[in-house]
mmCIF file of all heavy atoms, coordinates in Angstrom:
data_MODEL
# 
_entry.id   MODEL 
# 
loop_
_atom_site.group_PDB 
_atom_site.id 
_atom_site.type_symbol 
_atom_site.label_atom_id 
_atom_site.label_alt_id 
_atom_site.label_comp_id 
_atom_site.label_asym_id 
_atom_site.label_entity_id 
_atom_site.label_seq_id 
_atom_site.pdbx_PDB_ins_code 
_atom_site.Cartn_x 
_atom_site.Cartn_y 
_atom_site.Cartn_z 
_atom_site.occupancy 
_atom_site.B_iso_or_equiv 
_atom_site.pdbx_formal_charge 
_atom_site.auth_seq_id 
_atom_site.auth_comp_id 
_atom_site.auth_asym_id 
_atom_site.auth_atom_id 
_atom_site.pdbx_PDB_model_num 
ATOM 1   N N   . ALA A 1 1  ? 0.819  -1.214 0.002   1.00 0.00 ? 1  ALA A N   1 
ATOM 2   C CA  . ALA A 1 1  ? -0.001 0.003  -0.001  1.00 0.00 ? 1  ALA A CA  1 
ATOM 3   C C   . ALA A 1 1  ? 0.863  1.256  -0.008  1.00 0.00 ? 1  ALA A C   1 
ATOM 4   O O   . ALA A 1 1  ? 0.580  2.230  -0.712  1.00 0.00 ? 1  ALA A O   1 
ATOM 5   C CB  . ALA A 1 1  ? -0.919 -0.018 1.198   1.00 0.00 ? 1  ALA A CB  1 
ATOM 6   N N   . SER A 1 2  ? 1.927  1.275  0.808   1.00 0.00 ? 2  SER A N   1 
ATOM 7   C CA  . SER A 1 2  ? 2.808  2.444  0.838   1.00 0.00 ? 2  SER A CA  1 
ATOM 8   C C   . SER A 1 2  ? 3.487  2.652  -0.505  1.00 0.00 ? 2  SER A C   1 
ATOM 9   O O   . SER A 1 2  ? 3.637  3.804  -0.997  1.00 0.00 ? 2  SER A O   1 
ATOM 10  C CB  . SER A 1 2  ? 3.876  2.268  1.935   1.00 0.00 ? 2  SER A CB  1 
ATOM 11  O OG  . SER A 1 2  ? 3.272  2.163  3.199   1.00 0.00 ? 2  SER A OG  1 
ATOM 12  N N   . ARG A 1 3  ? 3.938  1.533  -1.148  1.00 0.00 ? 3  ARG A N   1 
ATOM 13  C CA  . ARG A 1 3  ? 4.599  1.649  -2.468  1.00 0.00 ? 3  ARG A CA  1 
ATOM 14  C C   . ARG A 1 3  ? 3.638  2.143  -3.524  1.00 0.00 ? 3  ARG A C   1 
ATOM 15  O O   . ARG A 1 3  ? 3.975  3.024  -4.344  1.00 0.00 ? 3  ARG A O   1 
ATOM 16  C CB  . ARG A 1 3  ? 5.146  0.281  -2.860  1.00 0.00 ? 3  ARG A CB  1 
ATOM 17  C CG  . ARG A 1 3  ? 5.875  0.277  -4.238  1.00 0.00 ? 3  ARG A CG  1 
ATOM 18  C CD  . ARG A 1 3  ? 7.251  0.897  -4.098  1.00 0.00 ? 3  ARG A CD  1 
ATOM 19  N NE  . ARG A 1 3  ? 7.895  1.062  -5.357  1.00 0.00 ? 3  ARG A NE  1 
ATOM 20  C CZ  . ARG A 1 3  ? 8.586  0.103  -6.016  1.00 0.00 ? 3  ARG A CZ  1 
ATOM 21  N NH1 . ARG A 1 3  ? 8.638  -1.140 -5.501  1.00 0.00 ? 3  ARG A NH1 1 
ATOM 22  N NH2 . ARG A 1 3  ? 9.186  0.364  -7.133  1.00 0.00 ? 3  ARG A NH2 1 
ATOM 23  N N   . VAL A 1 4  ? 2.406  1.635  -3.536  1.00 0.00 ? 4  VAL A N   1 
ATOM 24  C CA  . VAL A 1 4  ? 1.426  2.076  -4.521  1.00 0.00 ? 4  VAL A CA  1 
ATOM 25  C C   . VAL A 1 4  ? 1.097  3.557  -4.341  1.00 0.00 ? 4  VAL A C   1 
ATOM 26  O O   . VAL A 1 4  ? 1.010  4.320  -5.323  1.00 0.00 ? 4  VAL A O   1 
ATOM 27  C CB  . VAL A 1 4  ? 0.159  1.233  -4.431  1.00 0.00 ? 4  VAL A CB  1 
ATOM 28  C CG1 . VAL A 1 4  ? -0.980 1.812  -5.265  1.00 0.00 ? 4  VAL A CG1 1 
ATOM 29  C CG2 . VAL A 1 4  ? 0.413  -0.205 -4.915  1.00 0.00 ? 4  VAL A CG2 1 
ATOM 30  N N   . LEU A 1 5  ? 0.918  4.009  -3.109  1.00 0.00 ? 5  LEU A N   1 
ATOM 31  C CA  . LEU A 1 5  ? 0.616  5.401  -2.859  1.00 0.00 ? 5  LEU A CA  1 
ATOM 32  C C   . LEU A 1 5  ? 1.774  6.298  -3.292  1.00 0.00 ? 5  LEU A C   1 
ATOM 33  O O   . LEU A 1 5  ? 1.601  7.379  -3.844  1.00 0.00 ? 5  LEU A O   1 
ATOM 34  C CB  . LEU A 1 5  ? 0.285  5.642  -1.379  1.00 0.00 ? 5  LEU A CB  1 
ATOM 35  C CG  . LEU A 1 5  ? -1.132 5.229  -0.932  1.00 0.00 ? 5  LEU A CG  1 
ATOM 36  C CD1 . LEU A 1 5  ? -1.291 5.400  0.598   1.00 0.00 ? 5  LEU A CD1 1 
ATOM 37  C CD2 . LEU A 1 5  ? -2.199 6.057  -1.640  1.00 0.00 ? 5  LEU A CD2 1 
ATOM 38  N N   . ALA A 1 6  ? 3.015  5.850  -3.004  1.00 0.00 ? 6  ALA A N   1 
ATOM 39  C CA  . ALA A 1 6  ? 4.174  6.637  -3.362  1.00 0.00 ? 6  ALA A CA  1 
ATOM 40  C C   . ALA A 1 6  ? 4.300  6.751  -4.881  1.00 0.00 ? 6  ALA A C   1 
ATOM 41  O O   . ALA A 1 6  ? 4.632  7.830  -5.441  1.00 0.00 ? 6  ALA A O   1 
ATOM 42  C CB  . ALA A 1 6  ? 5.420  6.017  -2.783  1.00 0.00 ? 6  ALA A CB  1 
ATOM 43  N N   . LEU A 1 7  ? 4.062  5.635  -5.591  1.00 0.00 ? 7  LEU A N   1 
ATOM 44  C CA  . LEU A 1 7  ? 4.086  5.695  -7.043  1.00 0.00 ? 7  LEU A CA  1 
ATOM 45  C C   . LEU A 1 7  ? 3.024  6.640  -7.586  1.00 0.00 ? 7  LEU A C   1 
ATOM 46  O O   . LEU A 1 7  ? 3.280  7.459  -8.504  1.00 0.00 ? 7  LEU A O   1 
ATOM 47  C CB  . LEU A 1 7  ? 3.912  4.303  -7.632  1.00 0.00 ? 7  LEU A CB  1 
ATOM 48  C CG  . LEU A 1 7  ? 5.075  3.322  -7.477  1.00 0.00 ? 7  LEU A CG  1 
ATOM 49  C CD1 . LEU A 1 7  ? 4.637  1.920  -7.891  1.00 0.00 ? 7  LEU A CD1 1 
ATOM 50  C CD2 . LEU A 1 7  ? 6.266  3.763  -8.286  1.00 0.00 ? 7  LEU A CD2 1 
ATOM 51  N N   . PHE A 1 8  ? 1.806  6.510  -7.050  1.00 0.00 ? 8  PHE A N   1 
ATOM 52  C CA  . PHE A 1 8  ? 0.693  7.320  -7.536  1.00 0.00 ? 8  PHE A CA  1 
ATOM 53  C C   . PHE A 1 8  ? 0.947  8.805  -7.240  1.00 0.00 ? 8  PHE A C   1 
ATOM 54  O O   . PHE A 1 8  ? 0.559  9.682  -8.036  1.00 0.00 ? 8  PHE A O   1 
ATOM 55  C CB  . PHE A 1 8  ? -0.591 6.844  -6.856  1.00 0.00 ? 8  PHE A CB  1 
ATOM 56  C CG  . PHE A 1 8  ? -1.853 7.448  -7.450  1.00 0.00 ? 8  PHE A CG  1 
ATOM 57  C CD1 . PHE A 1 8  ? -2.372 6.941  -8.627  1.00 0.00 ? 8  PHE A CD1 1 
ATOM 58  C CD2 . PHE A 1 8  ? -2.448 8.515  -6.862  1.00 0.00 ? 8  PHE A CD2 1 
ATOM 59  C CE1 . PHE A 1 8  ? -3.520 7.511  -9.184  1.00 0.00 ? 8  PHE A CE1 1 
ATOM 60  C CE2 . PHE A 1 8  ? -3.607 9.095  -7.422  1.00 0.00 ? 8  PHE A CE2 1 
ATOM 61  C CZ  . PHE A 1 8  ? -4.153 8.571  -8.576  1.00 0.00 ? 8  PHE A CZ  1 
ATOM 62  N N   . ALA A 1 9  ? 1.609  9.117  -6.124  1.00 0.00 ? 9  ALA A N   1 
ATOM 63  C CA  . ALA A 1 9  ? 1.873  10.490 -5.731  1.00 0.00 ? 9  ALA A CA  1 
ATOM 64  C C   . ALA A 1 9  ? 3.097  11.064 -6.383  1.00 0.00 ? 9  ALA A C   1 
ATOM 65  O O   . ALA A 1 9  ? 3.499  12.193 -6.050  1.00 0.00 ? 9  ALA A O   1 
ATOM 66  C CB  . ALA A 1 9  ? 1.985  10.591 -4.230  1.00 0.00 ? 9  ALA A CB  1 
ATOM 67  N N   . ALA A 1 10 ? 3.716  10.303 -7.293  1.00 0.00 ? 10 ALA A N   1 
ATOM 68  C CA  . ALA A 1 10 ? 4.934  10.782 -7.969  1.00 0.00 ? 10 ALA A CA  1 
ATOM 69  C C   . ALA A 1 10 ? 6.072  11.015 -6.989  1.00 0.00 ? 10 ALA A C   1 
ATOM 70  O O   . ALA A 1 10 ? 6.945  11.873 -7.217  1.00 0.00 ? 10 ALA A O   1 
ATOM 71  C CB  . ALA A 1 10 ? 4.668  12.013 -8.795  1.00 0.00 ? 10 ALA A CB  1 
ATOM 72  N N   . ALA A 1 11 ? 6.047  10.293 -5.874  1.00 0.00 ? 11 ALA A N   1 
ATOM 73  C CA  . ALA A 1 11 ? 7.101  10.425 -4.871  1.00 0.00 ? 11 ALA A CA  1 
ATOM 74  C C   . ALA A 1 11 ? 8.178  9.364  -5.053  1.00 0.00 ? 11 ALA A C   1 
ATOM 75  O O   . ALA A 1 11 ? 9.199  9.426  -4.355  1.00 0.00 ? 11 ALA A O   1 
ATOM 76  C CB  . ALA A 1 11 ? 6.493  10.322 -3.466  1.00 0.00 ? 11 ALA A CB  1 
ATOM 77  N N   . GLU A 1 12 ? 7.949  8.424  -5.928  1.00 0.00 ? 12 GLU A N   1 
ATOM 78  C CA  . GLU A 1 12 ? 8.912  7.333  -6.131  1.00 0.00 ? 12 GLU A CA  1 
ATOM 79  C C   . GLU A 1 12 ? 8.943  6.968  -7.605  1.00 0.00 ? 12 GLU A C   1 
ATOM 80  O O   . GLU A 1 12 ? 7.896  6.929  -8.267  1.00 0.00 ? 12 GLU A O   1 
ATOM 81  C CB  . GLU A 1 12 ? 8.498  6.110  -5.299  1.00 0.00 ? 12 GLU A CB  1 
ATOM 82  C CG  . GLU A 1 12 ? 9.476  4.950  -5.366  1.00 0.00 ? 12 GLU A CG  1 
ATOM 83  C CD  . GLU A 1 12 ? 9.061  3.798  -4.490  1.00 0.00 ? 12 GLU A CD  1 
ATOM 84  O OE1 . GLU A 1 12 ? 8.464  4.076  -3.397  1.00 0.00 ? 12 GLU A OE1 1 
ATOM 85  O OE2 . GLU A 1 12 ? 9.296  2.639  -4.852  1.00 0.00 ? 12 GLU A OE2 1 
ATOM 86  N N   . SER A 1 13 ? 10.134 6.730  -8.125  1.00 0.00 ? 13 SER A N   1 
ATOM 87  C CA  . SER A 1 13 ? 10.322 6.420  -9.541  1.00 0.00 ? 13 SER A CA  1 
ATOM 88  C C   . SER A 1 13 ? 10.475 4.955  -9.731  1.00 0.00 ? 13 SER A C   1 
ATOM 89  O O   . SER A 1 13 ? 11.061 4.245  -8.878  1.00 0.00 ? 13 SER A O   1 
ATOM 90  C CB  . SER A 1 13 ? 11.517 7.180  -10.117 1.00 0.00 ? 13 SER A CB  1 
ATOM 91  O OG  . SER A 1 13 ? 11.747 6.834  -11.462 1.00 0.00 ? 13 SER A OG  1 
ATOM 92  N N   . VAL A 1 14 ? 9.956  4.456  -10.846 1.00 0.00 ? 14 VAL A N   1 
ATOM 93  C CA  . VAL A 1 14 ? 10.112 3.035  -11.173 1.00 0.00 ? 14 VAL A CA  1 
ATOM 94  C C   . VAL A 1 14 ? 11.567 2.748  -11.527 1.00 0.00 ? 14 VAL A C   1 
ATOM 95  O O   . VAL A 1 14 ? 12.122 1.740  -11.122 1.00 0.00 ? 14 VAL A O   1 
ATOM 96  C CB  . VAL A 1 14 ? 9.168  2.643  -12.337 1.00 0.00 ? 14 VAL A CB  1 
ATOM 97  C CG1 . VAL A 1 14 ? 9.386  1.196  -12.770 1.00 0.00 ? 14 VAL A CG1 1 
ATOM 98  C CG2 . VAL A 1 14 ? 7.712  2.882  -11.916 1.00 0.00 ? 14 VAL A CG2 1 
ATOM 99  N N   . LYS A 1 15 ? 12.139 3.620  -12.341 1.00 0.00 ? 15 LYS A N   1 
ATOM 100 C CA  . LYS A 1 15 ? 13.515 3.481  -12.765 1.00 0.00 ? 15 LYS A CA  1 
ATOM 101 C C   . LYS A 1 15 ? 14.373 4.535  -12.096 1.00 0.00 ? 15 LYS A C   1 
ATOM 102 O O   . LYS A 1 15 ? 14.003 5.712  -12.089 1.00 0.00 ? 15 LYS A O   1 
ATOM 103 C CB  . LYS A 1 15 ? 13.652 3.600  -14.288 1.00 0.00 ? 15 LYS A CB  1 
ATOM 104 C CG  . LYS A 1 15 ? 12.843 2.536  -15.030 1.00 0.00 ? 15 LYS A CG  1 
ATOM 105 C CD  . LYS A 1 15 ? 12.958 2.748  -16.544 1.00 0.00 ? 15 LYS A CD  1 
ATOM 106 C CE  . LYS A 1 15 ? 12.147 1.686  -17.312 1.00 0.00 ? 15 LYS A CE  1 
ATOM 107 N NZ  . LYS A 1 15 ? 12.225 1.894  -18.800 1.00 0.00 ? 15 LYS A NZ  1 
ATOM 108 N N   . PRO A 1 16 ? 15.537 4.172  -11.553 1.00 0.00 ? 16 PRO A N   1 
ATOM 109 C CA  . PRO A 1 16 ? 16.406 5.151  -10.893 1.00 0.00 ? 16 PRO A CA  1 
ATOM 110 C C   . PRO A 1 16 ? 16.838 6.243  -11.883 1.00 0.00 ? 16 PRO A C   1 
ATOM 111 O O   . PRO A 1 16 ? 17.151 5.976  -13.036 1.00 0.00 ? 16 PRO A O   1 
ATOM 112 C CB  . PRO A 1 16 ? 17.636 4.283  -10.450 1.00 0.00 ? 16 PRO A CB  1 
ATOM 113 C CG  . PRO A 1 16 ? 17.094 2.900  -10.412 1.00 0.00 ? 16 PRO A CG  1 
ATOM 114 C CD  . PRO A 1 16 ? 16.066 2.791  -11.483 1.00 0.00 ? 16 PRO A CD  1 
ATOM 115 N N   . GLY A 1 17 ? 16.836 7.476  -11.389 1.00 0.00 ? 17 GLY A N   1 
ATOM 116 C CA  . GLY A 1 17 ? 17.221 8.613  -12.210 1.00 0.00 ? 17 GLY A CA  1 
ATOM 117 C C   . GLY A 1 17 ? 16.175 9.140  -13.114 1.00 0.00 ? 17 GLY A C   1 
ATOM 118 O O   . GLY A 1 17 ? 16.335 10.169 -13.745 1.00 0.00 ? 17 GLY A O   1 
ATOM 119 N N   . GLN A 1 18 ? 15.028 8.474  -13.187 1.00 0.00 ? 18 GLN A N   1 
ATOM 120 C CA  . GLN A 1 18 ? 13.945 8.918  -14.064 1.00 0.00 ? 18 GLN A CA  1 
ATOM 121 C C   . GLN A 1 18 ? 12.915 9.707  -13.254 1.00 0.00 ? 18 GLN A C   1 
ATOM 122 O O   . GLN A 1 18 ? 12.575 9.341  -12.149 1.00 0.00 ? 18 GLN A O   1 
ATOM 123 C CB  . GLN A 1 18 ? 13.262 7.708  -14.700 1.00 0.00 ? 18 GLN A CB  1 
ATOM 124 C CG  . GLN A 1 18 ? 12.157 8.078  -15.727 1.00 0.00 ? 18 GLN A CG  1 
ATOM 125 C CD  . GLN A 1 18 ? 11.432 6.863  -16.222 1.00 0.00 ? 18 GLN A CD  1 
ATOM 126 O OE1 . GLN A 1 18 ? 11.027 6.005  -15.440 1.00 0.00 ? 18 GLN A OE1 1 
ATOM 127 N NE2 . GLN A 1 18 ? 11.284 6.761  -17.554 1.00 0.00 ? 18 GLN A NE2 1 
ATOM 128 N N   . LYS A 1 19 ? 12.404 10.801 -13.854 1.00 0.00 ? 19 LYS A N   1 
ATOM 129 C CA  . LYS A 1 19 ? 11.409 11.604 -13.174 1.00 0.00 ? 19 LYS A CA  1 
ATOM 130 C C   . LYS A 1 19 ? 10.112 10.780 -13.031 1.00 0.00 ? 19 LYS A C   1 
ATOM 131 O O   . LYS A 1 19 ? 9.611  10.267 -14.031 1.00 0.00 ? 19 LYS A O   1 
ATOM 132 C CB  . LYS A 1 19 ? 11.132 12.892 -13.951 1.00 0.00 ? 19 LYS A CB  1 
ATOM 133 C CG  . LYS A 1 19 ? 10.103 13.790 -13.266 1.00 0.00 ? 19 LYS A CG  1 
ATOM 134 C CD  . LYS A 1 19 ? 9.874  15.051 -14.086 1.00 0.00 ? 19 LYS A CD  1 
ATOM 135 C CE  . LYS A 1 19 ? 8.818  15.911 -13.398 1.00 0.00 ? 19 LYS A CE  1 
ATOM 136 N NZ  . LYS A 1 19 ? 8.535  17.146 -14.193 1.00 0.00 ? 19 LYS A NZ  1 
ATOM 137 N N   . PRO A 1 20 ? 9.604  10.659 -11.798 1.00 0.00 ? 20 PRO A N   1 
ATOM 138 C CA  . PRO A 1 20 ? 8.397  9.828  -11.622 1.00 0.00 ? 20 PRO A CA  1 
ATOM 139 C C   . PRO A 1 20 ? 7.206  10.482 -12.290 1.00 0.00 ? 20 PRO A C   1 
ATOM 140 O O   . PRO A 1 20 ? 6.955  11.698 -12.148 1.00 0.00 ? 20 PRO A O   1 
ATOM 141 C CB  . PRO A 1 20 ? 8.239  9.800  -10.097 1.00 0.00 ? 20 PRO A CB  1 
ATOM 142 C CG  . PRO A 1 20 ? 8.961  10.994 -9.590  1.00 0.00 ? 20 PRO A CG  1 
ATOM 143 C CD  . PRO A 1 20 ? 10.111 11.229 -10.517 1.00 0.00 ? 20 PRO A CD  1 
ATOM 144 N N   . PRO A 1 21 ? 6.442  9.716  -13.099 1.00 0.00 ? 21 PRO A N   1 
ATOM 145 C CA  . PRO A 1 21 ? 5.305  10.308 -13.818 1.00 0.00 ? 21 PRO A CA  1 
ATOM 146 C C   . PRO A 1 21 ? 4.097  10.567 -12.913 1.00 0.00 ? 21 PRO A C   1 
ATOM 147 O O   . PRO A 1 21 ? 3.358  11.510 -13.110 1.00 0.00 ? 21 PRO A O   1 
ATOM 148 C CB  . PRO A 1 21 ? 4.977  9.276  -14.862 1.00 0.00 ? 21 PRO A CB  1 
ATOM 149 C CG  . PRO A 1 21 ? 5.435  7.996  -14.281 1.00 0.00 ? 21 PRO A CG  1 
ATOM 150 C CD  . PRO A 1 21 ? 6.650  8.320  -13.456 1.00 0.00 ? 21 PRO A CD  1 
ATOM 151 N N   . GLY A 1 22 ? 3.913  9.727  -11.871 1.00 0.00 ? 22 GLY A N   1 
ATOM 152 C CA  . GLY A 1 22 ? 2.735  9.876  -11.008 1.00 0.00 ? 22 GLY A CA  1 
ATOM 153 C C   . GLY A 1 22 ? 1.484  9.369  -11.666 1.00 0.00 ? 22 GLY A C   1 
ATOM 154 O O   . GLY A 1 22 ? 1.409  9.075  -12.865 1.00 0.00 ? 22 GLY A O   1 
ATOM 155 N N   . GLY A 1 23 ? 0.427  9.199  -10.855 1.00 0.00 ? 23 GLY A N   1 
ATOM 156 C CA  . GLY A 1 23 ? -0.851 8.768  -11.367 1.00 0.00 ? 23 GLY A CA  1 
ATOM 157 C C   . GLY A 1 23 ? -0.865 7.331  -11.783 1.00 0.00 ? 23 GLY A C   1 
ATOM 158 O O   . GLY A 1 23 ? 0.001  6.525  -11.451 1.00 0.00 ? 23 GLY A O   1 
ATOM 159 N N   . LEU A 1 24 ? -1.906 6.947  -12.531 1.00 0.00 ? 24 LEU A N   1 
ATOM 160 C CA  . LEU A 1 24 ? -2.061 5.584  -12.982 1.00 0.00 ? 24 LEU A CA  1 
ATOM 161 C C   . LEU A 1 24 ? -0.959 5.179  -13.954 1.00 0.00 ? 24 LEU A C   1 
ATOM 162 O O   . LEU A 1 24 ? -0.642 4.008  -14.080 1.00 0.00 ? 24 LEU A O   1 
ATOM 163 C CB  . LEU A 1 24 ? -3.419 5.404  -13.657 1.00 0.00 ? 24 LEU A CB  1 
ATOM 164 C CG  . LEU A 1 24 ? -4.623 5.613  -12.726 1.00 0.00 ? 24 LEU A CG  1 
ATOM 165 C CD1 . LEU A 1 24 ? -5.923 5.586  -13.521 1.00 0.00 ? 24 LEU A CD1 1 
ATOM 166 C CD2 . LEU A 1 24 ? -4.651 4.592  -11.625 1.00 0.00 ? 24 LEU A CD2 1 
# 
């Protein structure tokens, strides 16, 4: 749940060094 919220909030990137897109 924490990881999904962080991804959705653009607080965490899938790939290192890449700007997180946020959202779905």
